Amino acid sequence: MEKNETLAELQEKHRMQMKERRDAIKQRKARTRRLIVHGAVAEGFIENSEDMNGEEFQSACANAFHGTGANATSSLQESCGSNPR
């Protein structure tokens, strides 16, 4: 009897862990999709963006959206992603 209860508790724990993993993956994929779409929109406003490196593109975005690159206070690396893997 005790073994069955322990097994049931363990199964429930694993079900919850799997659900949490699925939810995390779903959130990560939604964020990735959003970043891709937003990046594509931003690229549409910057001429020759496909020829720019990351820093050049960030500067061009700052100029386009703020009027000057002086307002861009964060570095490109600080603004990319949430958790390094």
N, C-alpha and C. Protein backbone atom coordinates (compact mmCIF):
# COMPACT_ATOMS: atom_id res chain seq x y z
N MET A 1 0.81 -1.20 0.00
CA MET A 1 0.00 0.00 0.00
C MET A 1 0.86 1.26 0.00
N GLU A 2 1.83 1.29 0.90
CA GLU A 2 2.71 2.44 1.01
C GLU A 2 3.51 2.65 -0.27
N LYS A 3 3.93 1.58 -0.89
CA LYS A 3 4.70 1.66 -2.13
C LYS A 3 3.86 2.27 -3.25
N ASN A 4 2.58 1.92 -3.33
CA ASN A 4 1.69 2.47 -4.35
C ASN A 4 1.51 3.97 -4.16
N GLU A 5 1.39 4.40 -2.93
CA GLU A 5 1.25 5.83 -2.67
C GLU A 5 2.52 6.57 -3.06
N THR A 6 3.65 6.02 -2.75
CA THR A 6 4.92 6.63 -3.11
C THR A 6 5.08 6.68 -4.62
N LEU A 7 4.69 5.60 -5.28
CA LEU A 7 4.76 5.57 -6.74
C LEU A 7 3.83 6.62 -7.35
N ALA A 8 2.64 6.74 -6.81
CA ALA A 8 1.68 7.73 -7.30
C ALA A 8 2.20 9.15 -7.09
N GLU A 9 2.82 9.39 -5.96
CA GLU A 9 3.39 10.71 -5.68
C GLU A 9 4.53 11.02 -6.65
N LEU A 10 5.36 10.02 -6.88
CA LEU A 10 6.48 10.19 -7.80
C LEU A 10 5.98 10.45 -9.23
N GLN A 11 4.96 9.74 -9.64
CA GLN A 11 4.39 9.94 -10.98
C GLN A 11 3.80 11.35 -11.10
N GLU A 12 3.12 11.79 -10.06
CA GLU A 12 2.53 13.13 -10.08
C GLU A 12 3.64 14.19 -10.15
N LYS A 13 4.71 13.98 -9.40
CA LYS A 13 5.84 14.90 -9.44
C LYS A 13 6.42 14.97 -10.84
N HIS A 14 6.59 13.84 -11.48
CA HIS A 14 7.14 13.81 -12.84
C HIS A 14 6.19 14.45 -13.84
N ARG A 15 4.89 14.25 -13.66
CA ARG A 15 3.90 14.90 -14.53
C ARG A 15 4.01 16.42 -14.42
N MET A 16 4.16 16.90 -13.20
CA MET A 16 4.27 18.35 -12.98
C MET A 16 5.57 18.89 -13.60
N GLN A 17 6.67 18.14 -13.45
CA GLN A 17 7.93 18.57 -14.05
C GLN A 17 7.82 18.63 -15.57
N MET A 18 7.19 17.63 -16.16
CA MET A 18 7.02 17.61 -17.61
C MET A 18 6.15 18.78 -18.07
N LYS A 19 5.10 19.09 -17.31
CA LYS A 19 4.25 20.22 -17.65
C LYS A 19 5.03 21.52 -17.58
N GLU A 20 5.84 21.68 -16.54
CA GLU A 20 6.66 22.88 -16.41
C GLU A 20 7.64 23.00 -17.57
N ARG A 21 8.25 21.91 -17.97
CA ARG A 21 9.17 21.92 -19.12
C ARG A 21 8.45 22.31 -20.40
N ARG A 22 7.26 21.72 -20.61
CA ARG A 22 6.48 22.05 -21.82
C ARG A 22 6.11 23.53 -21.82
N ASP A 23 5.70 24.05 -20.66
CA ASP A 23 5.34 25.47 -20.56
C ASP A 23 6.55 26.37 -20.84
N ALA A 24 7.72 25.99 -20.30
CA ALA A 24 8.93 26.78 -20.52
C ALA A 24 9.31 26.78 -22.00
N ILE A 25 9.20 25.64 -22.64
CA ILE A 25 9.51 25.54 -24.07
C ILE A 25 8.52 26.39 -24.88
N LYS A 26 7.27 26.32 -24.51
CA LYS A 26 6.24 27.10 -25.21
C LYS A 26 6.52 28.60 -25.07
N GLN A 27 6.88 29.05 -23.87
CA GLN A 27 7.20 30.46 -23.65
C GLN A 27 8.44 30.87 -24.43
N ARG A 28 9.47 30.01 -24.45
CA ARG A 28 10.70 30.32 -25.17
C ARG A 28 10.42 30.44 -26.67
N LYS A 29 9.61 29.52 -27.21
CA LYS A 29 9.29 29.57 -28.63
C LYS A 29 8.47 30.81 -28.98
N ALA A 30 7.56 31.20 -28.09
CA ALA A 30 6.77 32.42 -28.32
C ALA A 30 7.67 33.64 -28.32
N ARG A 31 8.63 33.69 -27.40
CA ARG A 31 9.56 34.81 -27.34
C ARG A 31 10.43 34.85 -28.59
N THR A 32 10.91 33.69 -29.01
CA THR A 32 11.74 33.62 -30.22
C THR A 32 10.96 34.13 -31.42
N ARG A 33 9.73 33.69 -31.56
CA ARG A 33 8.87 34.13 -32.67
C ARG A 33 8.68 35.65 -32.62
N ARG A 34 8.39 36.17 -31.43
CA ARG A 34 8.19 37.61 -31.27
C ARG A 34 9.45 38.38 -31.65
N LEU A 35 10.61 37.90 -31.21
CA LEU A 35 11.87 38.58 -31.54
C LEU A 35 12.13 38.57 -33.04
N ILE A 36 11.82 37.46 -33.69
CA ILE A 36 12.01 37.38 -35.14
C ILE A 36 11.11 38.37 -35.86
N VAL A 37 9.85 38.41 -35.46
CA VAL A 37 8.89 39.32 -36.11
C VAL A 37 9.29 40.77 -35.85
N HIS A 38 9.61 41.10 -34.61
CA HIS A 38 9.98 42.47 -34.29
C HIS A 38 11.28 42.86 -35.00
N GLY A 39 12.22 41.94 -35.08
CA GLY A 39 13.47 42.22 -35.79
C GLY A 39 13.23 42.47 -37.27
N ALA A 40 12.32 41.69 -37.85
CA ALA A 40 12.00 41.88 -39.27
C ALA A 40 11.36 43.25 -39.50
N VAL A 41 10.51 43.66 -38.58
CA VAL A 41 9.88 44.98 -38.70
C VAL A 41 10.95 46.07 -38.58
N ALA A 42 11.85 45.93 -37.61
CA ALA A 42 12.91 46.92 -37.43
C ALA A 42 13.80 46.99 -38.67
N GLU A 43 14.13 45.82 -39.24
CA GLU A 43 14.96 45.80 -40.45
C GLU A 43 14.30 46.55 -41.60
N GLY A 44 12.97 46.52 -41.63
CA GLY A 44 12.25 47.21 -42.69
C GLY A 44 12.42 48.71 -42.65
N PHE A 45 12.77 49.25 -41.48
CA PHE A 45 12.94 50.69 -41.34
C PHE A 45 14.39 51.15 -41.56
N ILE A 46 15.32 50.21 -41.63
CA ILE A 46 16.74 50.55 -41.74
C ILE A 46 17.25 50.13 -43.12
N GLU A 47 17.70 51.10 -43.90
CA GLU A 47 18.24 50.80 -45.22
C GLU A 47 19.54 50.02 -45.10
N ASN A 48 19.74 49.05 -45.97
CA ASN A 48 20.96 48.23 -46.03
C ASN A 48 21.26 47.49 -44.73
N SER A 49 20.23 47.18 -43.96
CA SER A 49 20.44 46.51 -42.68
C SER A 49 21.05 45.11 -42.84
N GLU A 50 20.79 44.48 -43.96
CA GLU A 50 21.34 43.14 -44.17
C GLU A 50 22.86 43.15 -44.30
N ASP A 51 23.44 44.32 -44.58
CA ASP A 51 24.90 44.43 -44.71
C ASP A 51 25.57 44.90 -43.43
N MET A 52 24.80 45.14 -42.37
CA MET A 52 25.35 45.67 -41.12
C MET A 52 25.64 44.55 -40.13
N ASN A 53 26.66 44.80 -39.28
CA ASN A 53 26.88 43.89 -38.16
C ASN A 53 25.96 44.32 -37.01
N GLY A 54 26.01 43.64 -35.91
CA GLY A 54 25.10 43.92 -34.80
C GLY A 54 25.21 45.32 -34.23
N GLU A 55 26.43 45.78 -34.04
CA GLU A 55 26.64 47.12 -33.47
C GLU A 55 26.18 48.21 -34.43
N GLU A 56 26.45 48.03 -35.72
CA GLU A 56 26.00 49.01 -36.72
C GLU A 56 24.48 49.06 -36.76
N PHE A 57 23.86 47.89 -36.70
CA PHE A 57 22.40 47.85 -36.74
C PHE A 57 21.80 48.50 -35.49
N GLN A 58 22.42 48.25 -34.34
CA GLN A 58 21.92 48.86 -33.11
C GLN A 58 22.04 50.38 -33.18
N SER A 59 23.14 50.86 -33.68
CA SER A 59 23.33 52.30 -33.83
C SER A 59 22.31 52.89 -34.81
N ALA A 60 22.09 52.20 -35.92
CA ALA A 60 21.11 52.67 -36.91
C ALA A 60 19.71 52.69 -36.31
N CYS A 61 19.38 51.68 -35.50
CA CYS A 61 18.07 51.66 -34.83
C CYS A 61 17.94 52.82 -33.86
N ALA A 62 19.00 53.07 -33.10
CA ALA A 62 18.98 54.18 -32.16
C ALA A 62 18.77 55.49 -32.90
N ASN A 63 19.46 55.64 -34.03
CA ASN A 63 19.29 56.86 -34.83
C ASN A 63 17.87 56.96 -35.37
N ALA A 64 17.33 55.85 -35.84
CA ALA A 64 16.00 55.86 -36.44
C ALA A 64 14.90 56.11 -35.41
N PHE A 65 15.05 55.50 -34.26
CA PHE A 65 13.98 55.57 -33.27
C PHE A 65 14.15 56.68 -32.25
N HIS A 66 15.40 57.11 -32.02
CA HIS A 66 15.64 58.15 -31.02
C HIS A 66 16.21 59.42 -31.62
N GLY A 67 16.60 59.37 -32.86
CA GLY A 67 17.14 60.55 -33.52
C GLY A 67 18.64 60.67 -33.43
N THR A 68 19.26 59.94 -32.50
CA THR A 68 20.71 59.99 -32.37
C THR A 68 21.21 58.73 -31.69
N GLY A 69 22.43 58.34 -31.98
CA GLY A 69 23.01 57.16 -31.36
C GLY A 69 23.43 57.39 -29.92
N ALA A 70 23.46 58.65 -29.47
CA ALA A 70 23.90 58.97 -28.12
C ALA A 70 22.92 58.44 -27.07
N ASN A 71 21.68 58.20 -27.45
CA ASN A 71 20.68 57.73 -26.49
C ASN A 71 20.76 56.23 -26.25
N ALA A 72 21.53 55.53 -27.04
CA ALA A 72 21.64 54.08 -26.87
C ALA A 72 22.62 53.81 -25.74
N THR A 73 22.13 53.52 -24.56
CA THR A 73 22.99 53.38 -23.40
C THR A 73 23.45 51.96 -23.17
N SER A 74 22.69 50.95 -23.60
CA SER A 74 23.10 49.57 -23.36
C SER A 74 23.89 49.05 -24.55
N SER A 75 24.79 48.14 -24.26
CA SER A 75 25.55 47.54 -25.35
C SER A 75 24.72 46.46 -26.01
N LEU A 76 25.12 46.06 -27.18
CA LEU A 76 24.40 45.03 -27.92
C LEU A 76 24.34 43.74 -27.12
N GLN A 77 25.43 43.36 -26.51
CA GLN A 77 25.48 42.10 -25.77
C GLN A 77 24.53 42.13 -24.58
N GLU A 78 24.40 43.25 -23.91
CA GLU A 78 23.49 43.36 -22.76
C GLU A 78 22.04 43.23 -23.18
N SER A 79 21.72 43.64 -24.41
CA SER A 79 20.33 43.65 -24.84
C SER A 79 19.89 42.37 -25.52
N CYS A 80 20.80 41.42 -25.74
CA CYS A 80 20.47 40.20 -26.46
C CYS A 80 20.20 39.07 -25.50
N GLY A 81 19.01 38.51 -25.59
CA GLY A 81 18.69 37.30 -24.83
C GLY A 81 18.52 37.52 -23.36
N SER A 82 18.04 36.48 -22.69
CA SER A 82 17.83 36.58 -21.27
C SER A 82 18.78 35.71 -20.48
N ASN A 83 19.00 34.50 -20.92
CA ASN A 83 19.87 33.57 -20.21
C ASN A 83 20.86 32.95 -21.17
N PRO A 84 22.15 33.17 -20.95
CA PRO A 84 23.12 32.49 -21.81
C PRO A 84 23.09 30.99 -21.56
N ARG A 85 23.29 30.25 -22.61
CA ARG A 85 23.24 28.79 -22.47
C ARG A 85 24.58 28.18 -22.55
